[in-house]
C-alpha atoms as a PDB file:
ATOM      1  CA  UNK A   1     151.415 146.447 229.871  1.00  0.00           C
ATOM      2  CA  UNK A   2     154.474 144.521 230.505  1.00  0.00           C
ATOM      3  CA  UNK A   3     154.009 140.648 232.161  1.00  0.00           C
ATOM      4  CA  UNK A   4     157.961 140.416 232.636  1.00  0.00           C
ATOM      5  CA  UNK A   5     159.116 139.213 228.535  1.00  0.00           C
ATOM      6  CA  UNK A   6     162.632 140.480 229.819  1.00  0.00           C
ATOM      7  CA  UNK A   7     162.770 141.071 225.749  1.00  0.00           C
ATOM      8  CA  UNK A   8     159.906 143.894 226.373  1.00  0.00           C
ATOM      9  CA  UNK A   9     161.312 145.374 229.324  1.00  0.00           C
ATOM     10  CA  UNK A  10     163.468 149.120 228.209  1.00  0.00           C
ATOM     11  CA  UNK A  11     160.469 149.039 225.371  1.00  0.00           C
ATOM     12  CA  UNK A  12     157.884 149.154 228.171  1.00  0.00           C
ATOM     13  CA  UNK A  13     160.497 150.857 230.217  1.00  0.00           C
ATOM     14  CA  UNK A  14     161.165 153.990 227.955  1.00  0.00           C
ATOM     15  CA  UNK A  15     157.206 154.633 227.223  1.00  0.00           C
ATOM     16  CA  UNK A  16     155.520 154.061 230.522  1.00  0.00           C
ATOM     17  CA  UNK A  17     158.758 156.567 231.380  1.00  0.00           C
ATOM     18  CA  UNK A  18     157.470 158.806 228.296  1.00  0.00           C
ATOM     19  CA  UNK A  19     153.977 158.638 229.957  1.00  0.00           C
ATOM     20  CA  UNK A  20     154.175 160.080 232.468  1.00  0.00           C
ATOM     21  CA  UNK A  21     156.919 163.146 231.581  1.00  0.00           C
ATOM     22  CA  UNK A  22     154.046 163.825 228.576  1.00  0.00           C
ATOM     23  CA  UNK A  23     150.983 162.832 230.974  1.00  0.00           C
ATOM     24  CA  UNK A  24     152.120 164.376 234.454  1.00  0.00           C
ATOM     25  CA  UNK A  25     149.066 167.347 235.535  1.00  0.00           C
ATOM     26  CA  UNK A  26     146.943 164.816 234.329  1.00  0.00           C
ATOM     27  CA  UNK A  27     147.922 161.582 235.596  1.00  0.00           C
ATOM     28  CA  UNK A  28     148.349 163.736 239.159  1.00  0.00           C
ATOM     29  CA  UNK A  29     151.325 164.193 242.262  1.00  0.00           C
ATOM     30  CA  UNK A  30     153.882 161.472 242.618  1.00  0.00           C
ATOM     31  CA  UNK A  31     151.953 159.184 244.907  1.00  0.00           C
ATOM     32  CA  UNK A  32     148.988 158.769 241.744  1.00  0.00           C
ATOM     33  CA  UNK A  33     151.632 158.240 239.611  1.00  0.00           C
ATOM     34  CA  UNK A  34     152.822 155.743 241.278  1.00  0.00           C
ATOM     35  CA  UNK A  35     149.724 153.686 241.518  1.00  0.00           C
ATOM     36  CA  UNK A  36     149.343 154.792 237.195  1.00  0.00           C
ATOM     37  CA  UNK A  37     152.716 152.377 236.955  1.00  0.00           C
ATOM     38  CA  UNK A  38     151.743 149.576 238.814  1.00  0.00           C
ATOM     39  CA  UNK A  39     148.095 149.416 236.870  1.00  0.00           C
ATOM     40  CA  UNK A  40     150.546 148.488 233.004  1.00  0.00           C
ATOM     41  CA  UNK A  41     151.835 145.953 234.575  1.00  0.00           C
ATOM     42  CA  UNK A  42     150.610 141.934 234.986  1.00  0.00           C
ATOM     43  CA  UNK A  43     151.187 138.824 235.480  1.00  0.00           C
ATOM     44  CA  UNK A  44     154.824 137.957 237.230  1.00  0.00           C
ATOM     45  CA  UNK A  45     155.677 141.440 236.881  1.00  0.00           C
ATOM     46  CA  UNK A  46     152.926 143.023 239.340  1.00  0.00           C
ATOM     47  CA  UNK A  47     153.324 139.641 241.514  1.00  0.00           C
ATOM     48  CA  UNK A  48     157.063 140.434 241.679  1.00  0.00           C
ATOM     49  CA  UNK A  49     156.372 143.826 242.759  1.00  0.00           C
ATOM     50  CA  UNK A  50     153.717 143.965 244.647  1.00  0.00           C
ATOM     51  CA  UNK A  51     155.573 144.014 248.350  1.00  0.00           C
ATOM     52  CA  UNK A  52     157.842 146.796 247.387  1.00  0.00           C
ATOM     53  CA  UNK A  53     154.727 148.291 246.091  1.00  0.00           C
ATOM     54  CA  UNK A  54     152.696 148.369 249.053  1.00  0.00           C
ATOM     55  CA  UNK A  55     156.253 149.692 250.957  1.00  0.00           C
ATOM     56  CA  UNK A  56     156.351 152.693 249.007  1.00  0.00           C
ATOM     57  CA  UNK A  57     152.951 153.344 248.531  1.00  0.00           C
ATOM     58  CA  UNK A  58     152.819 153.879 252.803  1.00  0.00           C
ATOM     59  CA  UNK A  59     155.539 156.451 252.349  1.00  0.00           C
ATOM     60  CA  UNK A  60     154.788 159.763 252.948  1.00  0.00           C
ATOM     61  CA  UNK A  61     156.332 160.635 249.313  1.00  0.00           C
ATOM     62  CA  UNK A  62     155.948 157.448 247.313  1.00  0.00           C
ATOM     63  CA  UNK A  63     158.615 157.941 244.408  1.00  0.00           C
ATOM     64  CA  UNK A  64     157.471 156.389 241.751  1.00  0.00           C
ATOM     65  CA  UNK A  65     161.253 155.877 239.665  1.00  0.00           C
ATOM     66  CA  UNK A  66     161.944 153.933 242.497  1.00  0.00           C
ATOM     67  CA  UNK A  67     159.478 151.178 241.477  1.00  0.00           C
ATOM     68  CA  UNK A  68     161.261 151.802 237.926  1.00  0.00           C
ATOM     69  CA  UNK A  69     164.501 150.944 239.516  1.00  0.00           C
ATOM     70  CA  UNK A  70     163.360 148.401 241.584  1.00  0.00           C
ATOM     71  CA  UNK A  71     161.667 146.490 237.732  1.00  0.00           C
ATOM     72  CA  UNK A  72     164.599 147.435 235.955  1.00  0.00           C
ATOM     73  CA  UNK A  73     167.381 145.765 238.716  1.00  0.00           C
ATOM     74  CA  UNK A  74     164.244 142.784 238.033  1.00  0.00           C
ATOM     75  CA  UNK A  75     164.091 142.498 234.243  1.00  0.00           C
ATOM     76  CA  UNK A  76     166.761 145.024 232.834  1.00  0.00           C
ATOM     77  CA  UNK A  77     169.820 143.236 231.384  1.00  0.00           C
ATOM     78  CA  UNK A  78     172.580 143.473 233.351  1.00  0.00           C
ATOM     79  CA  UNK A  79     176.115 144.486 232.374  1.00  0.00           C
ATOM     80  CA  UNK A  80     174.185 145.232 228.476  1.00  0.00           C
ATOM     81  CA  UNK A  81     176.873 147.166 227.015  1.00  0.00           C
ATOM     82  CA  UNK A  82     179.963 145.145 227.714  1.00  0.00           C
ATOM     83  CA  UNK A  83     177.895 141.959 226.296  1.00  0.00           C
ATOM     84  CA  UNK A  84     177.082 144.269 223.284  1.00  0.00           C
ATOM     85  CA  UNK A  85     180.581 144.355 222.381  1.00  0.00           C
ATOM     86  CA  UNK A  86     181.139 141.318 222.875  1.00  0.00           C
ATOM     87  CA  UNK A  87     179.005 141.031 220.197  1.00  0.00           C
ATOM     88  CA  UNK A  88     180.396 142.656 217.829  1.00  0.00           C
ATOM     89  CA  UNK A  89     183.588 140.396 217.916  1.00  0.00           C
ATOM     90  CA  UNK A  90     181.627 137.720 216.868  1.00  0.00           C
ATOM     91  CA  UNK A  91     179.295 138.212 215.126  1.00  0.00           C
ATOM     92  CA  UNK A  92     179.083 137.567 211.315  1.00  0.00           C
ATOM     93  CA  UNK A  93     176.991 137.932 208.135  1.00  0.00           C
ATOM     94  CA  UNK A  94     175.520 134.161 207.939  1.00  0.00           C
ATOM     95  CA  UNK A  95     176.112 132.958 204.291  1.00  0.00           C
ATOM     96  CA  UNK A  96     173.064 134.548 201.748  1.00  0.00           C
ATOM     97  CA  UNK A  97     172.353 136.907 203.904  1.00  0.00           C
ATOM     98  CA  UNK A  98     171.345 140.137 202.309  1.00  0.00           C
ATOM     99  CA  UNK A  99     173.413 143.194 203.918  1.00  0.00           C
ATOM    100  CA  UNK A 100     170.033 144.710 204.488  1.00  0.00           C
ATOM    101  CA  UNK A 101     169.007 142.231 206.505  1.00  0.00           C
ATOM    102  CA  UNK A 102     172.291 142.218 208.754  1.00  0.00           C
ATOM    103  CA  UNK A 103     173.235 145.404 208.995  1.00  0.00           C
ATOM    104  CA  UNK A 104     169.889 146.149 211.418  1.00  0.00           C
ATOM    105  CA  UNK A 105     171.550 142.577 213.724  1.00  0.00           C
ATOM    106  CA  UNK A 106     174.570 145.155 213.991  1.00  0.00           C
ATOM    107  CA  UNK A 107     173.367 148.201 214.513  1.00  0.00           C
ATOM    108  CA  UNK A 108     171.669 147.148 217.489  1.00  0.00           C
ATOM    109  CA  UNK A 109     175.010 145.611 218.944  1.00  0.00           C
ATOM    110  CA  UNK A 110     176.597 149.023 218.143  1.00  0.00           C
ATOM    111  CA  UNK A 111     173.538 150.849 220.117  1.00  0.00           C
ATOM    112  CA  UNK A 112     173.750 148.260 222.804  1.00  0.00           C
ATOM    113  CA  UNK A 113     177.602 149.062 223.193  1.00  0.00           C
ATOM    114  CA  UNK A 114     176.739 152.787 223.166  1.00  0.00           C
ATOM    115  CA  UNK A 115     179.131 152.872 220.096  1.00  0.00           C
ATOM    116  CA  UNK A 116     178.165 155.721 218.160  1.00  0.00           C
ATOM    117  CA  UNK A 117     180.525 158.156 219.910  1.00  0.00           C
ATOM    118  CA  UNK A 118     183.210 155.730 218.615  1.00  0.00           C
ATOM    119  CA  UNK A 119     185.906 156.897 216.079  1.00  0.00           C
ATOM    120  CA  UNK A 120     185.068 155.864 212.582  1.00  0.00           C
ATOM    121  CA  UNK A 121     188.196 153.812 212.203  1.00  0.00           C
ATOM    122  CA  UNK A 122     186.689 151.837 214.375  1.00  0.00           C
ATOM    123  CA  UNK A 123     183.376 151.099 213.676  1.00  0.00           C
ATOM    124  CA  UNK A 124     184.408 149.460 209.625  1.00  0.00           C
ATOM    125  CA  UNK A 125     187.003 147.663 211.350  1.00  0.00           C
ATOM    126  CA  UNK A 126     183.843 146.464 213.459  1.00  0.00           C
ATOM    127  CA  UNK A 127     181.997 146.433 210.832  1.00  0.00           C
ATOM    128  CA  UNK A 128     184.218 145.031 207.181  1.00  0.00           C
ATOM    129  CA  UNK A 129     185.194 142.148 209.729  1.00  0.00           C
ATOM    130  CA  UNK A 130     181.541 141.297 209.873  1.00  0.00           C
ATOM    131  CA  UNK A 131     181.357 140.796 206.791  1.00  0.00           C
ATOM    132  CA  UNK A 132     181.131 137.864 204.674  1.00  0.00           C
ATOM    133  CA  UNK A 133     183.879 136.579 202.527  1.00  0.00           C
ATOM    134  CA  UNK A 134     181.671 137.646 199.017  1.00  0.00           C
ATOM    135  CA  UNK A 135     181.033 140.912 199.650  1.00  0.00           C
ATOM    136  CA  UNK A 136     184.652 141.549 201.130  1.00  0.00           C
ATOM    137  CA  UNK A 137     185.996 140.875 197.994  1.00  0.00           C
ATOM    138  CA  UNK A 138     183.562 143.452 196.153  1.00  0.00           C
ATOM    139  CA  UNK A 139     185.268 146.186 198.677  1.00  0.00           C
ATOM    140  CA  UNK A 140     188.406 145.048 196.878  1.00  0.00           C
ATOM    141  CA  UNK A 141     187.982 148.038 194.240  1.00  0.00           C
ATOM    142  CA  UNK A 142     186.207 150.579 195.750  1.00  0.00           C
ATOM    143  CA  UNK A 143     187.761 153.232 195.817  1.00  0.00           C
ATOM    144  CA  UNK A 144     188.890 155.082 199.389  1.00  0.00           C
ATOM    145  CA  UNK A 145     186.652 157.593 199.959  1.00  0.00           C
ATOM    146  CA  UNK A 146     183.765 155.701 198.844  1.00  0.00           C
ATOM    147  CA  UNK A 147     184.491 154.011 201.770  1.00  0.00           C
ATOM    148  CA  UNK A 148     186.479 156.911 204.020  1.00  0.00           C
ATOM    149  CA  UNK A 149     183.162 157.431 206.789  1.00  0.00           C
ATOM    150  CA  UNK A 150     181.663 155.228 208.790  1.00  0.00           C
ATOM    151  CA  UNK A 151     178.289 155.750 206.687  1.00  0.00           C
ATOM    152  CA  UNK A 152     179.523 155.918 203.724  1.00  0.00           C
ATOM    153  CA  UNK A 153     181.255 152.767 204.538  1.00  0.00           C
ATOM    154  CA  UNK A 154     177.414 150.737 204.969  1.00  0.00           C
ATOM    155  CA  UNK A 155     176.204 153.008 202.655  1.00  0.00           C
ATOM    156  CA  UNK A 156     178.184 150.921 199.822  1.00  0.00           C
ATOM    157  CA  UNK A 157     177.858 147.791 200.915  1.00  0.00           C
ATOM    158  CA  UNK A 158     174.419 147.927 200.570  1.00  0.00           C
ATOM    159  CA  UNK A 159     175.146 149.590 197.424  1.00  0.00           C
ATOM    160  CA  UNK A 160     177.299 146.040 196.400  1.00  0.00           C
ATOM    161  CA  UNK A 161     174.705 143.744 198.231  1.00  0.00           C
ATOM    162  CA  UNK A 162     172.068 144.805 196.172  1.00  0.00           C
ATOM    163  CA  UNK A 163     173.698 144.976 193.041  1.00  0.00           C
ATOM    164  CA  UNK A 164     174.218 140.849 194.523  1.00  0.00           C
ATOM    165  CA  UNK A 165     171.153 140.302 195.156  1.00  0.00           C
ATOM    166  CA  UNK A 166     169.832 141.177 191.328  1.00  0.00           C
ATOM    167  CA  UNK A 167     172.443 138.863 190.356  1.00  0.00           C
ATOM    168  CA  UNK A 168     171.403 135.690 192.204  1.00  0.00           C
ATOM    169  CA  UNK A 169     174.083 136.415 194.484  1.00  0.00           C
ATOM    170  CA  UNK A 170     171.955 136.207 197.568  1.00  0.00           C
ATOM    171  CA  UNK A 171     169.519 133.494 197.678  1.00  0.00           C
ATOM    172  CA  UNK A 172     166.412 135.802 198.013  1.00  0.00           C
ATOM    173  CA  UNK A 173     164.061 132.932 197.967  1.00  0.00           C
ATOM    174  CA  UNK A 174     162.473 131.421 201.197  1.00  0.00           C
ATOM    175  CA  UNK A 175     164.280 127.839 202.163  1.00  0.00           C
ATOM    176  CA  UNK A 176     161.313 127.488 204.659  1.00  0.00           C
ATOM    177  CA  UNK A 177     158.439 127.523 201.693  1.00  0.00           C
ATOM    178  CA  UNK A 178     161.521 125.313 199.194  1.00  0.00           C
ATOM    179  CA  UNK A 179     161.465 122.663 201.370  1.00  0.00           C
ATOM    180  CA  UNK A 180     158.010 121.837 201.995  1.00  0.00           C
ATOM    181  CA  UNK A 181     157.054 122.155 198.355  1.00  0.00           C
ATOM    182  CA  UNK A 182     160.577 119.375 197.492  1.00  0.00           C
ATOM    183  CA  UNK A 183     159.070 117.551 200.480  1.00  0.00           C
ATOM    184  CA  UNK A 184     155.505 117.155 198.861  1.00  0.00           C
ATOM    185  CA  UNK A 185     156.489 116.510 195.110  1.00  0.00           C
ATOM    186  CA  UNK A 186     159.024 114.063 196.874  1.00  0.00           C
ATOM    187  CA  UNK A 187     155.520 112.532 197.776  1.00  0.00           C
ATOM    188  CA  UNK A 188     153.476 112.413 195.310  1.00  0.00           C
ATOM    189  CA  UNK A 189     157.042 110.626 193.441  1.00  0.00           C
ATOM    190  CA  UNK A 190     157.151 107.982 195.600  1.00  0.00           C
ATOM    191  CA  UNK A 191     153.779 107.247 196.282  1.00  0.00           C
ATOM    192  CA  UNK A 192     153.626 106.516 192.331  1.00  0.00           C
ATOM    193  CA  UNK A 193     156.518 107.078 190.451  1.00  0.00           C
ATOM    194  CA  UNK A 194     156.486 108.145 186.738  1.00  0.00           C
ATOM    195  CA  UNK A 195     154.611 105.251 185.028  1.00  0.00           C
ATOM    196  CA  UNK A 196     156.780 104.490 181.967  1.00  0.00           C
ATOM    197  CA  UNK A 197     156.719 104.418 178.246  1.00  0.00           C
ATOM    198  CA  UNK A 198     154.740 101.000 177.664  1.00  0.00           C
ATOM    199  CA  UNK A 199     150.596 100.417 176.875  1.00  0.00           C
ATOM    200  CA  UNK A 200     149.313 100.013 179.809  1.00  0.00           C
ATOM    201  CA  UNK A 201     145.739  98.943 178.298  1.00  0.00           C
ATOM    202  CA  UNK A 202     142.077  99.655 180.705  1.00  0.00           C
ATOM    203  CA  UNK A 203     141.043  96.255 180.893  1.00  0.00           C
ATOM    204  CA  UNK A 204     144.134  94.969 183.039  1.00  0.00           C
ATOM    205  CA  UNK A 205     143.993  97.950 185.586  1.00  0.00           C
ATOM    206  CA  UNK A 206     142.151  96.732 189.048  1.00  0.00           C
ATOM    207  CA  UNK A 207     142.657  98.469 192.458  1.00  0.00           C
ATOM    208  CA  UNK A 208     144.643  96.635 193.544  1.00  0.00           C
ATOM    209  CA  UNK A 209     146.026  93.310 192.858  1.00  0.00           C
ATOM    210  CA  UNK A 210     146.996  89.690 195.047  1.00  0.00           C
ATOM    211  CA  UNK A 211     150.423  88.998 195.907  1.00  0.00           C
ATOM    212  CA  UNK A 212     152.454  87.142 198.863  1.00  0.00           C
ATOM    213  CA  UNK A 213     152.360  88.716 201.682  1.00  0.00           C
ATOM    214  CA  UNK A 214     153.559  92.000 203.109  1.00  0.00           C
ATOM    215  CA  UNK A 215     155.001  93.426 205.868  1.00  0.00           C
ATOM    216  CA  UNK A 216     153.431  95.887 207.303  1.00  0.00           C
ATOM    217  CA  UNK A 217     155.355  98.138 209.087  1.00  0.00           C
ATOM    218  CA  UNK A 218     154.720 102.556 210.973  1.00  0.00           C
ATOM    219  CA  UNK A 219     156.694 104.429 208.858  1.00  0.00           C
ATOM    220  CA  UNK A 220     156.709 108.128 208.728  1.00  0.00           C
ATOM    221  CA  UNK A 221     154.791 109.853 206.437  1.00  0.00           C
ATOM    222  CA  UNK A 222     155.948 110.607 202.949  1.00  0.00           C
ATOM    223  CA  UNK A 223     157.742 106.901 203.403  1.00  0.00           C
ATOM    224  CA  UNK A 224     155.752 104.111 203.449  1.00  0.00           C
ATOM    225  CA  UNK A 225     155.818 102.282 201.098  1.00  0.00           C
ATOM    226  CA  UNK A 226     155.223  98.320 201.943  1.00  0.00           C
ATOM    227  CA  UNK A 227     151.025  99.600 203.466  1.00  0.00           C
ATOM    228  CA  UNK A 228     150.319 101.452 206.490  1.00  0.00           C
ATOM    229  CA  UNK A 229     149.952  99.199 209.717  1.00  0.00           C
ATOM    230  CA  UNK A 230     146.292 100.285 209.689  1.00  0.00           C
ATOM    231  CA  UNK A 231     143.272  99.143 212.719  1.00  0.00           C
ATOM    232  CA  UNK A 232     140.559 100.768 210.430  1.00  0.00           C
ATOM    233  CA  UNK A 233     137.851  98.471 210.005  1.00  0.00           C
ATOM    234  CA  UNK A 234     137.474  99.356 206.661  1.00  0.00           C
ATOM    235  CA  UNK A 235     141.364  99.163 205.337  1.00  0.00           C
ATOM    236  CA  UNK A 236     141.980  95.639 207.505  1.00  0.00           C
ATOM    237  CA  UNK A 237     141.045  93.539 203.337  1.00  0.00           C
ATOM    238  CA  UNK A 238     143.033  95.110 201.902  1.00  0.00           C
ATOM    239  CA  UNK A 239     146.429  94.692 204.323  1.00  0.00           C
ATOM    240  CA  UNK A 240     148.841  92.909 202.830  1.00  0.00           C
ATOM    241  CA  UNK A 241     148.175  93.737 199.456  1.00  0.00           C
ATOM    242  CA  UNK A 242     149.940  95.855 196.338  1.00  0.00           C
ATOM    243  CA  UNK A 243     147.836  98.806 194.993  1.00  0.00           C
ATOM    244  CA  UNK A 244     147.731  98.201 191.044  1.00  0.00           C
ATOM    245  CA  UNK A 245     149.631 100.270 188.515  1.00  0.00           C
ATOM    246  CA  UNK A 246     147.479 102.628 186.471  1.00  0.00           C
ATOM    247  CA  UNK A 247     148.264 105.338 183.704  1.00  0.00           C
ATOM    248  CA  UNK A 248     149.179 108.896 184.331  1.00  0.00           C
ATOM    249  CA  UNK A 249     145.808 109.543 183.340  1.00  0.00           C
ATOM    250  CA  UNK A 250     143.852 107.536 186.190  1.00  0.00           C
ATOM    251  CA  UNK A 251     146.130 109.518 188.422  1.00  0.00           C
ATOM    252  CA  UNK A 252     145.744 112.846 187.432  1.00  0.00           C
ATOM    253  CA  UNK A 253     141.519 112.436 187.960  1.00  0.00           C
ATOM    254  CA  UNK A 254     141.739 110.384 191.359  1.00  0.00           C
ATOM    255  CA  UNK A 255     144.427 114.431 192.283  1.00  0.00           C
ATOM    256  CA  UNK A 256     141.572 117.063 190.723  1.00  0.00           C
ATOM    257  CA  UNK A 257     138.674 113.985 192.873  1.00  0.00           C
ATOM    258  CA  UNK A 258     140.766 114.026 196.022  1.00  0.00           C
ATOM    259  CA  UNK A 259     141.356 110.433 196.536  1.00  0.00           C
ATOM    260  CA  UNK A 260     143.730 108.831 197.739  1.00  0.00           C
ATOM    261  CA  UNK A 261     146.328 108.422 194.502  1.00  0.00           C
ATOM    262  CA  UNK A 262     147.035 104.371 196.091  1.00  0.00           C
ATOM    263  CA  UNK A 263     143.818 102.888 196.218  1.00  0.00           C
ATOM    264  CA  UNK A 264     141.317 105.898 195.094  1.00  0.00           C
ATOM    265  CA  UNK A 265     139.778 105.556 197.568  1.00  0.00           C
ATOM    266  CA  UNK A 266     137.386 108.731 199.391  1.00  0.00           C
ATOM    267  CA  UNK A 267     139.003 109.467 202.985  1.00  0.00           C
ATOM    268  CA  UNK A 268     141.684 107.726 202.460  1.00  0.00           C
ATOM    269  CA  UNK A 269     145.768 109.461 201.734  1.00  0.00           C
ATOM    270  CA  UNK A 270     148.297 107.802 200.564  1.00  0.00           C
ATOM    271  CA  UNK A 271     150.149 109.014 204.021  1.00  0.00           C
ATOM    272  CA  UNK A 272     148.233 105.753 205.142  1.00  0.00           C
ATOM    273  CA  UNK A 273     147.005 104.078 202.691  1.00  0.00           C
ATOM    274  CA  UNK A 274     147.260  99.781 203.484  1.00  0.00           C
ATOM    275  CA  UNK A 275     148.610  99.534 200.112  1.00  0.00           C
ATOM    276  CA  UNK A 276     152.377  99.015 199.555  1.00  0.00           C
ATOM    277  CA  UNK A 277     153.472 100.886 196.268  1.00  0.00           C
ATOM    278  CA  UNK A 278     152.760  99.878 192.966  1.00  0.00           C
ATOM    279  CA  UNK A 279     155.060  98.349 190.509  1.00  0.00           C
ATOM    280  CA  UNK A 280     156.012  99.172 187.169  1.00  0.00           C
ATOM    281  CA  UNK A 281     155.246  96.206 185.179  1.00  0.00           C
ATOM    282  CA  UNK A 282     158.002  95.034 183.746  1.00  0.00           C
ATOM    283  CA  UNK A 283     158.285  94.553 179.053  1.00  0.00           C
ATOM    284  CA  UNK A 284     157.438  90.887 178.479  1.00  0.00           C
ATOM    285  CA  UNK A 285     161.066  90.023 176.093  1.00  0.00           C
ATOM    286  CA  UNK A 286     160.434  87.767 172.794  1.00  0.00           C
ATOM    287  CA  UNK A 287     161.625  83.736 174.045  1.00  0.00           C
ATOM    288  CA  UNK A 288     165.284  83.318 172.990  1.00  0.00           C
ATOM    289  CA  UNK A 289     165.209  79.402 171.496  1.00  0.00           C
ATOM    290  CA  UNK A 290     168.742  79.710 172.144  1.00  0.00           C
ATOM    291  CA  UNK A 291     168.122  76.741 174.147  1.00  0.00           C
ATOM    292  CA  UNK A 292     165.749  74.436 171.991  1.00  0.00           C
ATOM    293  CA  UNK A 293     168.587  74.685 168.695  1.00  0.00           C
ATOM    294  CA  UNK A 294     171.391  73.247 171.453  1.00  0.00           C
ATOM    295  CA  UNK A 295     169.229  70.980 172.514  1.00  0.00           C
ATOM    296  CA  UNK A 296     168.045  69.540 169.086  1.00  0.00           C
ATOM    297  CA  UNK A 297     171.484  69.887 167.347  1.00  0.00           C
ATOM    298  CA  UNK A 298     172.556  67.285 170.382  1.00  0.00           C
ATOM    299  CA  UNK A 299     169.588  65.027 169.749  1.00  0.00           C
ATOM    300  CA  UNK A 300     171.397  64.686 166.126  1.00  0.00           C
ATOM    301  CA  UNK A 301     174.788  64.025 167.642  1.00  0.00           C
ATOM    302  CA  UNK A 302     173.318  61.335 169.240  1.00  0.00           C
ATOM    303  CA  UNK A 303     171.494  59.686 166.544  1.00  0.00           C
ATOM    304  CA  UNK A 304     174.575  59.877 164.180  1.00  0.00           C
ATOM    305  CA  UNK A 305     177.214  57.516 166.617  1.00  0.00           C
ATOM    306  CA  UNK A 306     174.446  55.083 167.449  1.00  0.00           C
ATOM    307  CA  UNK A 307     174.193  55.155 163.967  1.00  0.00           C
ATOM    308  CA  UNK A 308     177.452  54.220 163.434  1.00  0.00           C
ATOM    309  CA  UNK A 309     177.771  52.140 166.159  1.00  0.00           C
END
């Protein structure tokens, strides 16, 4: 079925022409073939061609090819050959795109430009110009016989690209999945930074600690550091408070149980937790007695001066 998408027109046209040619006897005369083509349309394609179909159907000798030609005017790509020739001048292999992924794009433009009959030297020139500099650099040491024909040149490019991919010169991993993994790791780090080496005793733990009022702002998910301005009744008592620092084992336990990493409650997540992010505890240093010694020294000097007077 053809619904009017231009990207599907060429394939559908070839398919319907093949069906009529192969099954003409089964479909029937030209009037039946015209009806058959119309029955394979739907959506806007059928709506836009209905008037033309009615006029053609009333003729003594209706032409199914006339209906196909009319559809080609509506949905065929005009100046396809000229556009493809222009594309051959501008198409480029992308950064970290293996040749096996780039070559089908290049061959599509060659086919659209009807360039299969061109001289090999012309096609090689276009392909060489489209290659990424990293791949072109590896072609310098190749013998001339390996690059003499267009097929040999493309085959050599594929061999070199495969070697480059094997040694990690083409990044073959999925950038989207890696980006999602990085975002998730960043969320966990921001929700609860890595605990310090100082020991945190169990009796000092609590789900939240009183603190000065914290201004909560609507933030993007994964950036909730000051507490989410929740409107839920069960969150109101925690707004303006900060989460208490807990040890890593507690965080792991909350993770496994599906609880909020920050407040430890069910039905809550870090991205929308009303508590502000926990602050790592600061180690208490040993008081320095330098100030007291200085003060004592001053008092002794004053007493000595009074005695002399």
